[in-house]
């Protein structure tokens, strides 16, 4: 846990670096994050590839840090795939989960051997060429309702 004095020192050091156009500051405790990443790895058998959703913290330096720690990145859009690549993530460590992949996006990711693309429907599966160089995952929704509030039910047409 960071002590109040350390936070004050960090903020004092950071303030002169901010410009008038800066409207927000993101602070990350890298020691705590690294500890949690190691805890996650330790909870699974060796060889499991963990991936972090880009949308949880899309700052380029954070993505670079996560990649440097051996983690893959999960991209919900083609823009996030590009962010993952720019952060140094190997295509083989990128999961492309966009629920509405266009033919152009599929064509683009086809140039990244080893990328994992999760397919959401049989129609989407038909958009992939037979010689696709990545890995295809198939998302299955068995229409089983969990009893969770409708707000969280992703099996409905509107979700």
C-alpha atoms as a PDB file:
ATOM      1  CA  UNK A   1       0.000   0.000   0.000  1.00  0.00           C
ATOM      2  CA  UNK A   2       1.317   3.419  -0.905  1.00  0.00           C
ATOM      3  CA  UNK A   3       1.597   5.777   2.019  1.00  0.00           C
ATOM      4  CA  UNK A   4       0.036   9.241   1.960  1.00  0.00           C
ATOM      5  CA  UNK A   5       3.477  10.877   1.997  1.00  0.00           C
ATOM      6  CA  UNK A   6       4.527   8.939  -1.095  1.00  0.00           C
ATOM      7  CA  UNK A   7       1.355   9.961  -2.950  1.00  0.00           C
ATOM      8  CA  UNK A   8       2.000  13.600  -2.030  1.00  0.00           C
ATOM      9  CA  UNK A   9       5.576  13.339  -3.335  1.00  0.00           C
ATOM     10  CA  UNK A  10       4.430  11.727  -6.586  1.00  0.00           C
ATOM     11  CA  UNK A  11       1.779  14.400  -7.140  1.00  0.00           C
ATOM     12  CA  UNK A  12       4.255  17.198  -6.375  1.00  0.00           C
ATOM     13  CA  UNK A  13       6.712  15.735  -8.906  1.00  0.00           C
ATOM     14  CA  UNK A  14       3.994  15.319 -11.527  1.00  0.00           C
ATOM     15  CA  UNK A  15       2.281  18.734 -11.356  1.00  0.00           C
ATOM     16  CA  UNK A  16       5.013  20.704 -13.206  1.00  0.00           C
ATOM     17  CA  UNK A  17       4.734  18.223 -16.098  1.00  0.00           C
ATOM     18  CA  UNK A  18       1.044  18.951 -16.662  1.00  0.00           C
ATOM     19  CA  UNK A  19      -0.107  21.521 -19.183  1.00  0.00           C
ATOM     20  CA  UNK A  20      -3.183  23.736 -19.238  1.00  0.00           C
ATOM     21  CA  UNK A  21      -4.817  21.336 -21.709  1.00  0.00           C
ATOM     22  CA  UNK A  22      -4.462  18.348 -19.361  1.00  0.00           C
ATOM     23  CA  UNK A  23      -7.844  17.557 -17.838  1.00  0.00           C
ATOM     24  CA  UNK A  24      -7.130  14.204 -16.207  1.00  0.00           C
ATOM     25  CA  UNK A  25      -4.305  12.262 -14.631  1.00  0.00           C
ATOM     26  CA  UNK A  26      -4.047   8.493 -14.366  1.00  0.00           C
ATOM     27  CA  UNK A  27      -1.986   7.063 -11.555  1.00  0.00           C
ATOM     28  CA  UNK A  28      -0.982   3.406 -11.443  1.00  0.00           C
ATOM     29  CA  UNK A  29       0.840   1.602  -8.670  1.00  0.00           C
ATOM     30  CA  UNK A  30       3.065  -0.615 -10.816  1.00  0.00           C
ATOM     31  CA  UNK A  31       4.310  -2.595  -7.818  1.00  0.00           C
ATOM     32  CA  UNK A  32       0.758  -3.515  -6.845  1.00  0.00           C
ATOM     33  CA  UNK A  33      -0.207  -4.236 -10.453  1.00  0.00           C
ATOM     34  CA  UNK A  34       2.848  -6.445 -10.955  1.00  0.00           C
ATOM     35  CA  UNK A  35       2.038  -8.301  -7.746  1.00  0.00           C
ATOM     36  CA  UNK A  36      -1.516  -8.941  -8.950  1.00  0.00           C
ATOM     37  CA  UNK A  37      -0.326 -10.074 -12.370  1.00  0.00           C
ATOM     38  CA  UNK A  38       2.057 -12.565 -10.741  1.00  0.00           C
ATOM     39  CA  UNK A  39      -0.749 -13.752  -8.428  1.00  0.00           C
ATOM     40  CA  UNK A  40      -2.924 -14.394 -11.481  1.00  0.00           C
ATOM     41  CA  UNK A  41      -0.159 -16.363 -13.185  1.00  0.00           C
ATOM     42  CA  UNK A  42       0.499 -18.396 -10.046  1.00  0.00           C
ATOM     43  CA  UNK A  43      -3.177 -19.398  -9.844  1.00  0.00           C
ATOM     44  CA  UNK A  44      -3.015 -21.241 -13.186  1.00  0.00           C
ATOM     45  CA  UNK A  45      -0.834 -24.010 -14.612  1.00  0.00           C
ATOM     46  CA  UNK A  46       2.354 -22.962 -16.382  1.00  0.00           C
ATOM     47  CA  UNK A  47       1.848 -22.172 -20.046  1.00  0.00           C
ATOM     48  CA  UNK A  48      -1.569 -20.513 -19.725  1.00  0.00           C
ATOM     49  CA  UNK A  49      -1.675 -17.302 -21.751  1.00  0.00           C
ATOM     50  CA  UNK A  50      -3.453 -14.524 -19.881  1.00  0.00           C
ATOM     51  CA  UNK A  51      -4.827 -11.520 -21.736  1.00  0.00           C
ATOM     52  CA  UNK A  52      -5.948  -8.159 -20.426  1.00  0.00           C
ATOM     53  CA  UNK A  53      -8.809  -6.251 -22.081  1.00  0.00           C
ATOM     54  CA  UNK A  54      -7.458  -3.111 -23.716  1.00  0.00           C
ATOM     55  CA  UNK A  55     -10.615  -1.209 -22.775  1.00  0.00           C
ATOM     56  CA  UNK A  56      -9.717  -1.534 -19.076  1.00  0.00           C
ATOM     57  CA  UNK A  57      -6.791   0.853 -19.527  1.00  0.00           C
ATOM     58  CA  UNK A  58      -5.997   1.827 -23.122  1.00  0.00           C
ATOM     59  CA  UNK A  59      -3.071   4.113 -22.350  1.00  0.00           C
ATOM     60  CA  UNK A  60      -0.191   3.103 -24.668  1.00  0.00           C
ATOM     61  CA  UNK A  61       2.380   3.000 -21.836  1.00  0.00           C
ATOM     62  CA  UNK A  62       0.119   0.708 -19.776  1.00  0.00           C
ATOM     63  CA  UNK A  63      -0.334  -1.614 -22.750  1.00  0.00           C
ATOM     64  CA  UNK A  64       3.445  -1.679 -23.275  1.00  0.00           C
ATOM     65  CA  UNK A  65       3.901  -2.491 -19.588  1.00  0.00           C
ATOM     66  CA  UNK A  66       1.385  -5.356 -19.691  1.00  0.00           C
ATOM     67  CA  UNK A  67       3.042  -6.796 -22.801  1.00  0.00           C
ATOM     68  CA  UNK A  68       6.477  -6.479 -21.146  1.00  0.00           C
ATOM     69  CA  UNK A  69       5.122  -8.594 -18.287  1.00  0.00           C
ATOM     70  CA  UNK A  70       4.258 -11.401 -20.714  1.00  0.00           C
ATOM     71  CA  UNK A  71       0.525 -10.742 -20.939  1.00  0.00           C
ATOM     72  CA  UNK A  72      -1.528 -10.761 -24.109  1.00  0.00           C
ATOM     73  CA  UNK A  73      -4.145  -8.168 -24.997  1.00  0.00           C
ATOM     74  CA  UNK A  74      -7.844  -8.576 -25.791  1.00  0.00           C
ATOM     75  CA  UNK A  75      -9.140  -6.219 -28.467  1.00  0.00           C
ATOM     76  CA  UNK A  76     -12.828  -5.443 -28.929  1.00  0.00           C
ATOM     77  CA  UNK A  77     -12.287  -3.408 -32.110  1.00  0.00           C
ATOM     78  CA  UNK A  78      -9.850  -3.205 -34.997  1.00  0.00           C
ATOM     79  CA  UNK A  79      -8.541   0.033 -33.490  1.00  0.00           C
ATOM     80  CA  UNK A  80      -7.652  -1.883 -30.325  1.00  0.00           C
ATOM     81  CA  UNK A  81      -5.885  -4.553 -32.429  1.00  0.00           C
ATOM     82  CA  UNK A  82      -3.759  -1.748 -33.864  1.00  0.00           C
ATOM     83  CA  UNK A  83      -3.102  -0.413 -30.347  1.00  0.00           C
ATOM     84  CA  UNK A  84      -1.971  -3.883 -29.227  1.00  0.00           C
ATOM     85  CA  UNK A  85       0.443  -4.161 -32.141  1.00  0.00           C
ATOM     86  CA  UNK A  86       1.768  -0.639 -31.492  1.00  0.00           C
ATOM     87  CA  UNK A  87       2.397  -1.661 -27.864  1.00  0.00           C
ATOM     88  CA  UNK A  88       4.644  -4.475 -29.082  1.00  0.00           C
ATOM     89  CA  UNK A  89       2.171  -7.305 -28.594  1.00  0.00           C
ATOM     90  CA  UNK A  90       2.793 -10.306 -30.818  1.00  0.00           C
ATOM     91  CA  UNK A  91      -0.212 -11.178 -33.015  1.00  0.00           C
ATOM     92  CA  UNK A  92      -0.164 -14.612 -31.366  1.00  0.00           C
ATOM     93  CA  UNK A  93      -0.936 -12.869 -28.053  1.00  0.00           C
ATOM     94  CA  UNK A  94      -3.866 -10.817 -29.358  1.00  0.00           C
ATOM     95  CA  UNK A  95      -7.479 -11.916 -28.994  1.00  0.00           C
ATOM     96  CA  UNK A  96      -9.834 -10.115 -31.377  1.00  0.00           C
ATOM     97  CA  UNK A  97     -13.322 -10.247 -29.857  1.00  0.00           C
ATOM     98  CA  UNK A  98     -15.265  -7.691 -31.866  1.00  0.00           C
ATOM     99  CA  UNK A  99     -18.889  -8.833 -32.056  1.00  0.00           C
ATOM    100  CA  UNK A 100     -19.346  -7.229 -35.489  1.00  0.00           C
ATOM    101  CA  UNK A 101     -16.259  -7.942 -37.589  1.00  0.00           C
ATOM    102  CA  UNK A 102     -16.451  -6.466 -41.081  1.00  0.00           C
ATOM    103  CA  UNK A 103     -14.896  -8.120 -44.122  1.00  0.00           C
ATOM    104  CA  UNK A 104     -12.271  -5.338 -44.196  1.00  0.00           C
ATOM    105  CA  UNK A 105     -11.351  -5.967 -40.539  1.00  0.00           C
ATOM    106  CA  UNK A 106     -11.092  -9.703 -41.182  1.00  0.00           C
ATOM    107  CA  UNK A 107      -8.908  -9.000 -44.212  1.00  0.00           C
ATOM    108  CA  UNK A 108      -6.684  -6.771 -42.057  1.00  0.00           C
ATOM    109  CA  UNK A 109      -6.246  -9.286 -39.234  1.00  0.00           C
ATOM    110  CA  UNK A 110      -5.504 -11.989 -41.820  1.00  0.00           C
ATOM    111  CA  UNK A 111      -2.089 -10.365 -42.212  1.00  0.00           C
ATOM    112  CA  UNK A 112      -1.267 -11.114 -38.546  1.00  0.00           C
ATOM    113  CA  UNK A 113      -0.407 -14.845 -38.325  1.00  0.00           C
ATOM    114  CA  UNK A 114      -1.377 -16.410 -35.024  1.00  0.00           C
ATOM    115  CA  UNK A 115      -4.007 -13.859 -33.975  1.00  0.00           C
ATOM    116  CA  UNK A 116      -7.012 -15.408 -32.222  1.00  0.00           C
ATOM    117  CA  UNK A 117     -10.362 -14.207 -33.570  1.00  0.00           C
ATOM    118  CA  UNK A 118     -13.485 -15.239 -31.697  1.00  0.00           C
ATOM    119  CA  UNK A 119     -16.398 -15.752 -34.078  1.00  0.00           C
ATOM    120  CA  UNK A 120     -19.898 -14.836 -32.900  1.00  0.00           C
ATOM    121  CA  UNK A 121     -22.104 -16.478 -35.537  1.00  0.00           C
ATOM    122  CA  UNK A 122     -22.084 -18.881 -38.463  1.00  0.00           C
ATOM    123  CA  UNK A 123     -22.558 -15.903 -40.789  1.00  0.00           C
ATOM    124  CA  UNK A 124     -19.412 -14.315 -39.383  1.00  0.00           C
ATOM    125  CA  UNK A 125     -17.523 -17.592 -39.753  1.00  0.00           C
ATOM    126  CA  UNK A 126     -18.345 -17.543 -43.487  1.00  0.00           C
ATOM    127  CA  UNK A 127     -16.482 -14.215 -43.816  1.00  0.00           C
ATOM    128  CA  UNK A 128     -13.153 -15.903 -43.026  1.00  0.00           C
ATOM    129  CA  UNK A 129     -11.136 -17.351 -45.904  1.00  0.00           C
ATOM    130  CA  UNK A 130     -10.175 -21.013 -45.691  1.00  0.00           C
ATOM    131  CA  UNK A 131      -6.487 -20.025 -45.587  1.00  0.00           C
ATOM    132  CA  UNK A 132      -6.867 -17.672 -42.580  1.00  0.00           C
ATOM    133  CA  UNK A 133      -3.492 -17.765 -40.770  1.00  0.00           C
ATOM    134  CA  UNK A 134      -4.865 -17.065 -37.314  1.00  0.00           C
ATOM    135  CA  UNK A 135      -6.798 -19.172 -34.859  1.00  0.00           C
ATOM    136  CA  UNK A 136     -10.581 -19.130 -34.783  1.00  0.00           C
ATOM    137  CA  UNK A 137     -12.506 -19.471 -31.559  1.00  0.00           C
ATOM    138  CA  UNK A 138     -16.257 -19.924 -31.585  1.00  0.00           C
ATOM    139  CA  UNK A 139     -18.391 -18.125 -29.034  1.00  0.00           C
ATOM    140  CA  UNK A 140     -21.337 -20.306 -28.060  1.00  0.00           C
ATOM    141  CA  UNK A 141     -24.474 -18.957 -26.405  1.00  0.00           C
ATOM    142  CA  UNK A 142     -26.629 -21.917 -25.341  1.00  0.00           C
ATOM    143  CA  UNK A 143     -29.531 -19.574 -24.458  1.00  0.00           C
ATOM    144  CA  UNK A 144     -29.327 -20.774 -20.863  1.00  0.00           C
ATOM    145  CA  UNK A 145     -30.563 -18.093 -18.515  1.00  0.00           C
ATOM    146  CA  UNK A 146     -28.690 -17.747 -15.252  1.00  0.00           C
ATOM    147  CA  UNK A 147     -31.384 -15.994 -13.305  1.00  0.00           C
ATOM    148  CA  UNK A 148     -29.330 -12.796 -13.267  1.00  0.00           C
ATOM    149  CA  UNK A 149     -31.229  -9.518 -13.664  1.00  0.00           C
ATOM    150  CA  UNK A 150     -32.181  -8.777 -17.282  1.00  0.00           C
ATOM    151  CA  UNK A 151     -29.729  -5.879 -17.245  1.00  0.00           C
ATOM    152  CA  UNK A 152     -26.870  -8.428 -17.262  1.00  0.00           C
ATOM    153  CA  UNK A 153     -28.452 -11.052 -19.543  1.00  0.00           C
ATOM    154  CA  UNK A 154     -26.422 -11.125 -22.761  1.00  0.00           C
ATOM    155  CA  UNK A 155     -28.573 -13.811 -24.387  1.00  0.00           C
ATOM    156  CA  UNK A 156     -31.348 -11.428 -25.402  1.00  0.00           C
ATOM    157  CA  UNK A 157     -31.735  -9.982 -28.897  1.00  0.00           C
ATOM    158  CA  UNK A 158     -31.160  -6.455 -27.585  1.00  0.00           C
ATOM    159  CA  UNK A 159     -27.902  -7.258 -25.804  1.00  0.00           C
END
